[in-house]
Amino acid sequence: MNTKRNPVGWFEIYVQDMERARAFYQNTFQVTLERLESPGIELWAFPMQPDSPGCAGALAKWPGKDSGSGGTIVYFSCADCAVEAARAVQNGGRIQKDKQSIGQYGFIALVYDTEGNMIGLHSMK
């Protein structure tokens, strides 16, 4: 592994109902996802800035791969994670953990999307 990079280079959030999932993420984070052409898998990418820090990723629908609970949590950067947590609820998700301090590292909240995936929200205030 190249030690001059962040360890995560890409993420995929697996879904069963792409239209429902796209609506949830686009409305919660107020972004537009872009279709990526890939054989055998339906991918809708979050806005990407190739020369900026952070990790790019997409919603993915792949026959045989379930969505829902698992051992990985993707954290989305937010100005105030309580705002996106409230939007998640408005868009059919539910809160697992309200905004809480993680000390000098800011704040987090945990929410479930419409597909049963738990995602994290992180902000410094």
Protein backbone atom coordinates (compact mmCIF):
# COMPACT_ATOMS: atom_id res chain seq x y z
CA MET A 1 0.00 0.00 0.00
CA ASN A 2 1.21 3.50 -0.85
CA THR A 3 1.65 5.23 2.53
CA LYS A 4 1.19 8.71 1.00
CA ARG A 5 -2.53 8.14 0.33
CA ASN A 6 -5.65 7.71 2.38
CA PRO A 7 -6.30 3.98 2.89
CA VAL A 8 -9.75 3.96 1.28
CA GLY A 9 -9.88 4.58 -2.47
CA TRP A 10 -13.52 3.73 -3.29
CA PHE A 11 -16.72 2.63 -1.61
CA GLU A 12 -19.91 0.94 -2.74
CA ILE A 13 -23.19 0.92 -0.87
CA TYR A 14 -25.21 -2.07 -2.03
CA VAL A 15 -28.93 -1.56 -2.60
CA GLN A 16 -31.98 -3.56 -3.69
CA ASP A 17 -34.15 -0.71 -5.00
CA MET A 18 -31.93 1.75 -6.90
CA GLU A 19 -34.61 4.38 -7.50
CA ARG A 20 -35.53 4.49 -3.81
CA ALA A 21 -31.88 4.53 -2.73
CA ARG A 22 -30.94 7.26 -5.23
CA ALA A 23 -33.81 9.43 -4.01
CA PHE A 24 -32.72 8.92 -0.38
CA TYR A 25 -29.07 9.86 -0.94
CA GLN A 26 -29.71 12.68 -3.42
CA ASN A 27 -32.28 14.31 -1.12
CA THR A 28 -30.42 13.69 2.13
CA PHE A 29 -27.09 15.09 0.88
CA GLN A 30 -28.58 17.44 -1.76
CA VAL A 31 -26.39 16.07 -4.59
CA THR A 32 -26.99 14.49 -7.99
CA LEU A 33 -25.64 10.99 -8.56
CA GLU A 34 -24.20 10.11 -11.98
CA ARG A 35 -24.67 6.78 -13.78
CA LEU A 36 -21.41 4.87 -14.34
CA GLU A 37 -21.35 2.32 -17.15
CA SER A 38 -20.10 -1.03 -15.89
CA PRO A 39 -20.97 -4.52 -17.16
CA GLY A 40 -23.07 -6.62 -14.78
CA ILE A 41 -23.46 -3.99 -12.06
CA GLU A 42 -25.61 -0.87 -11.85
CA LEU A 43 -23.58 2.00 -10.37
CA TRP A 44 -24.62 5.56 -9.51
CA ALA A 45 -21.64 7.63 -8.33
CA PHE A 46 -21.59 10.38 -5.77
CA PRO A 47 -20.07 13.65 -7.06
CA MET A 48 -16.33 13.14 -7.44
CA GLN A 49 -13.46 15.62 -7.30
CA PRO A 50 -10.42 13.64 -8.54
CA ASP A 51 -7.84 16.14 -7.27
CA SER A 52 -9.45 16.67 -3.85
CA PRO A 53 -8.83 14.68 -0.68
CA GLY A 54 -11.28 12.00 0.34
CA CYS A 55 -12.76 8.96 -1.28
CA ALA A 56 -15.17 8.55 -4.19
CA GLY A 57 -17.91 5.95 -4.28
CA ALA A 58 -21.26 4.82 -5.60
CA LEU A 59 -24.53 3.09 -4.93
CA ALA A 60 -24.32 -0.40 -6.41
CA LYS A 61 -26.93 -2.97 -7.44
CA TRP A 62 -25.44 -6.34 -8.24
CA PRO A 63 -27.47 -9.54 -8.52
CA GLY A 64 -26.64 -11.83 -5.59
CA LYS A 65 -25.22 -9.09 -3.32
CA ASP A 66 -27.55 -8.11 -0.48
CA SER A 67 -27.86 -4.70 1.10
CA GLY A 68 -28.30 -4.14 4.80
CA SER A 69 -26.32 -4.75 7.95
CA GLY A 70 -22.67 -5.60 7.76
CA GLY A 71 -19.33 -4.82 9.30
CA THR A 72 -18.53 -1.66 7.34
CA ILE A 73 -19.71 1.90 7.99
CA VAL A 74 -19.05 4.62 5.43
CA TYR A 75 -18.85 8.08 7.02
CA PHE A 76 -20.01 11.06 4.96
CA SER A 77 -18.45 14.45 5.75
CA CYS A 78 -20.99 17.13 6.71
CA ALA A 79 -20.95 20.74 7.92
CA ASP A 80 -23.27 19.69 10.80
CA CYS A 81 -24.15 16.00 10.94
CA ALA A 82 -27.44 16.73 12.74
CA VAL A 83 -28.73 18.44 9.56
CA GLU A 84 -28.13 15.39 7.34
CA ALA A 85 -29.46 13.07 10.07
CA ALA A 86 -32.73 15.04 10.06
CA ARG A 87 -32.84 14.92 6.25
CA ALA A 88 -32.26 11.16 6.35
CA VAL A 89 -35.42 10.75 8.43
CA GLN A 90 -37.35 13.06 6.09
CA ASN A 91 -36.27 10.86 3.17
CA GLY A 92 -37.36 7.50 4.60
CA GLY A 93 -34.33 6.59 6.72
CA ARG A 94 -34.08 6.31 10.49
CA ILE A 95 -31.61 7.42 13.13
CA GLN A 96 -29.59 4.79 14.97
CA LYS A 97 -27.53 7.27 17.02
CA ASP A 98 -28.22 10.99 17.34
CA LYS A 99 -25.38 13.49 16.96
CA GLN A 100 -22.77 12.90 19.64
CA SER A 101 -19.34 14.28 20.42
CA ILE A 102 -16.24 12.25 19.66
CA GLY A 103 -14.02 14.75 21.47
CA GLN A 104 -11.36 16.58 19.49
CA TYR A 105 -12.42 14.67 16.37
CA GLY A 106 -15.81 16.38 16.11
CA PHE A 107 -19.24 14.76 16.05
CA ILE A 108 -20.92 11.73 14.51
CA ALA A 109 -24.44 10.46 13.92
CA LEU A 110 -25.48 7.03 12.60
CA VAL A 111 -28.49 6.52 10.33
CA TYR A 112 -30.05 3.71 8.33
CA ASP A 113 -30.85 4.36 4.67
CA THR A 114 -33.95 3.07 2.89
CA GLU A 115 -32.13 -0.17 2.01
CA GLY A 116 -31.17 -1.11 5.58
CA ASN A 117 -27.54 0.06 5.30
CA MET A 118 -26.11 1.90 8.29
CA ILE A 119 -24.09 4.96 7.31
CA GLY A 120 -22.15 7.41 9.42
CA LEU A 121 -22.28 11.19 9.34
CA HIS A 122 -19.26 13.20 10.57
CA SER A 123 -18.81 16.91 11.21
CA MET A 124 -16.43 19.09 13.18
CA LYS A 125 -19.25 21.15 14.72
